[in-house]
Amino acid sequence: MGSNTQAKSKEVTVLLTNFIFISLISFYLIFLVLAFFDSSSLRTHFRPFTRVLRRIWPFVTQKMLRDVKALNG
């Protein structure tokens, strides 16, 4: 009787783990499809930040380069 309970418990654990794994993989696949196949909702969501990033990007990369050089000697 104890062995049967353990087998059921293990089966439920495996099913729950598989469900969570499949759910996460599905979520990531949907995100990849939206991100890489030019979804209009993502395009309009990130558009306000592109102008800002274009302005600050050279300063960010210069600062990072300076910090890396300072760390290396």
C-alpha atoms as a PDB file:
ATOM      1  CA  MET A   1       0.000   0.000   0.000  1.00  0.00           C
ATOM      2  CA  GLY A   2       2.852   2.433   0.826  1.00  0.00           C
ATOM      3  CA  SER A   3       4.565   1.583  -2.436  1.00  0.00           C
ATOM      4  CA  ASN A   4       1.407   2.396  -4.398  1.00  0.00           C
ATOM      5  CA  THR A   5       1.125   5.779  -2.656  1.00  0.00           C
ATOM      6  CA  GLN A   6       4.740   6.592  -3.482  1.00  0.00           C
ATOM      7  CA  ALA A   7       4.204   5.626  -7.117  1.00  0.00           C
ATOM      8  CA  LYS A   8       1.131   7.879  -7.345  1.00  0.00           C
ATOM      9  CA  SER A   9       3.013  10.718  -5.679  1.00  0.00           C
ATOM     10  CA  LYS A  10       5.920  10.341  -8.082  1.00  0.00           C
ATOM     11  CA  GLU A  11       3.535  10.223 -11.056  1.00  0.00           C
ATOM     12  CA  VAL A  12       1.813  13.434  -9.944  1.00  0.00           C
ATOM     13  CA  THR A  13       5.193  15.116  -9.473  1.00  0.00           C
ATOM     14  CA  VAL A  14       6.326  14.104 -12.963  1.00  0.00           C
ATOM     15  CA  LEU A  15       3.060  15.317 -14.518  1.00  0.00           C
ATOM     16  CA  LEU A  16       3.261  18.659 -12.709  1.00  0.00           C
ATOM     17  CA  THR A  17       6.906  19.116 -13.713  1.00  0.00           C
ATOM     18  CA  ASN A  18       6.089  18.334 -17.353  1.00  0.00           C
ATOM     19  CA  PHE A  19       3.170  20.769 -17.316  1.00  0.00           C
ATOM     20  CA  ILE A  20       5.328  23.578 -15.917  1.00  0.00           C
ATOM     21  CA  PHE A  21       8.140  22.842 -18.377  1.00  0.00           C
ATOM     22  CA  ILE A  22       5.801  22.800 -21.384  1.00  0.00           C
ATOM     23  CA  SER A  23       4.104  26.000 -20.197  1.00  0.00           C
ATOM     24  CA  LEU A  24       7.433  27.820 -19.896  1.00  0.00           C
ATOM     25  CA  ILE A  25       8.655  26.617 -23.286  1.00  0.00           C
ATOM     26  CA  SER A  26       5.370  27.726 -24.875  1.00  0.00           C
ATOM     27  CA  PHE A  27       5.655  31.161 -23.280  1.00  0.00           C
ATOM     28  CA  TYR A  28       9.209  31.623 -24.546  1.00  0.00           C
ATOM     29  CA  LEU A  29       8.286  30.451 -28.042  1.00  0.00           C
ATOM     30  CA  ILE A  30       5.407  32.927 -28.197  1.00  0.00           C
ATOM     31  CA  PHE A  31       7.741  35.695 -27.033  1.00  0.00           C
ATOM     32  CA  LEU A  32      10.302  34.775 -29.700  1.00  0.00           C
ATOM     33  CA  VAL A  33       7.665  34.799 -32.410  1.00  0.00           C
ATOM     34  CA  LEU A  34       6.476  38.234 -31.304  1.00  0.00           C
ATOM     35  CA  ALA A  35      10.006  39.575 -30.980  1.00  0.00           C
ATOM     36  CA  PHE A  36      11.509  38.303 -34.214  1.00  0.00           C
ATOM     37  CA  PHE A  37       8.587  38.411 -36.604  1.00  0.00           C
ATOM     38  CA  ASP A  38       8.035  42.150 -36.330  1.00  0.00           C
ATOM     39  CA  SER A  39       4.947  42.326 -34.192  1.00  0.00           C
ATOM     40  CA  SER A  40       3.384  45.747 -34.461  1.00  0.00           C
ATOM     41  CA  SER A  41       2.573  45.834 -30.746  1.00  0.00           C
ATOM     42  CA  LEU A  42       6.238  45.362 -29.812  1.00  0.00           C
ATOM     43  CA  ARG A  43       7.361  47.846 -32.433  1.00  0.00           C
ATOM     44  CA  THR A  44       5.161  50.591 -30.994  1.00  0.00           C
ATOM     45  CA  HIS A  45       6.101  49.656 -27.447  1.00  0.00           C
ATOM     46  CA  PHE A  46       9.859  50.129 -27.943  1.00  0.00           C
ATOM     47  CA  ARG A  47       9.731  52.976 -30.451  1.00  0.00           C
ATOM     48  CA  PRO A  48       9.843  55.827 -27.870  1.00  0.00           C
ATOM     49  CA  PHE A  49      13.142  54.498 -26.518  1.00  0.00           C
ATOM     50  CA  THR A  50      15.025  54.213 -29.800  1.00  0.00           C
ATOM     51  CA  ARG A  51      15.639  57.951 -30.151  1.00  0.00           C
ATOM     52  CA  VAL A  52      16.932  58.136 -26.583  1.00  0.00           C
ATOM     53  CA  LEU A  53      19.176  55.118 -27.073  1.00  0.00           C
ATOM     54  CA  ARG A  54      20.643  56.560 -30.262  1.00  0.00           C
ATOM     55  CA  ARG A  55      21.595  59.718 -28.384  1.00  0.00           C
ATOM     56  CA  ILE A  56      23.112  58.083 -25.289  1.00  0.00           C
ATOM     57  CA  TRP A  57      24.650  54.932 -26.821  1.00  0.00           C
ATOM     58  CA  PRO A  58      28.066  56.459 -27.730  1.00  0.00           C
ATOM     59  CA  PHE A  59      28.451  57.829 -24.202  1.00  0.00           C
ATOM     60  CA  VAL A  60      27.497  54.514 -22.620  1.00  0.00           C
ATOM     61  CA  THR A  61      29.992  52.565 -24.721  1.00  0.00           C
ATOM     62  CA  GLN A  62      32.772  55.105 -24.068  1.00  0.00           C
ATOM     63  CA  LYS A  63      32.143  54.934 -20.319  1.00  0.00           C
ATOM     64  CA  MET A  64      32.166  51.127 -20.368  1.00  0.00           C
ATOM     65  CA  LEU A  65      35.407  51.116 -22.368  1.00  0.00           C
ATOM     66  CA  ARG A  66      36.985  53.501 -19.843  1.00  0.00           C
ATOM     67  CA  ASP A  67      35.844  51.331 -16.925  1.00  0.00           C
ATOM     68  CA  VAL A  68      37.189  48.150 -18.525  1.00  0.00           C
ATOM     69  CA  LYS A  69      40.542  49.798 -19.234  1.00  0.00           C
ATOM     70  CA  ALA A  70      40.706  51.051 -15.635  1.00  0.00           C
ATOM     71  CA  LEU A  71      40.024  47.554 -14.296  1.00  0.00           C
ATOM     72  CA  ASN A  72      42.632  45.943 -16.532  1.00  0.00           C
ATOM     73  CA  GLY A  73      45.386  48.307 -15.553  1.00  0.00           C
END
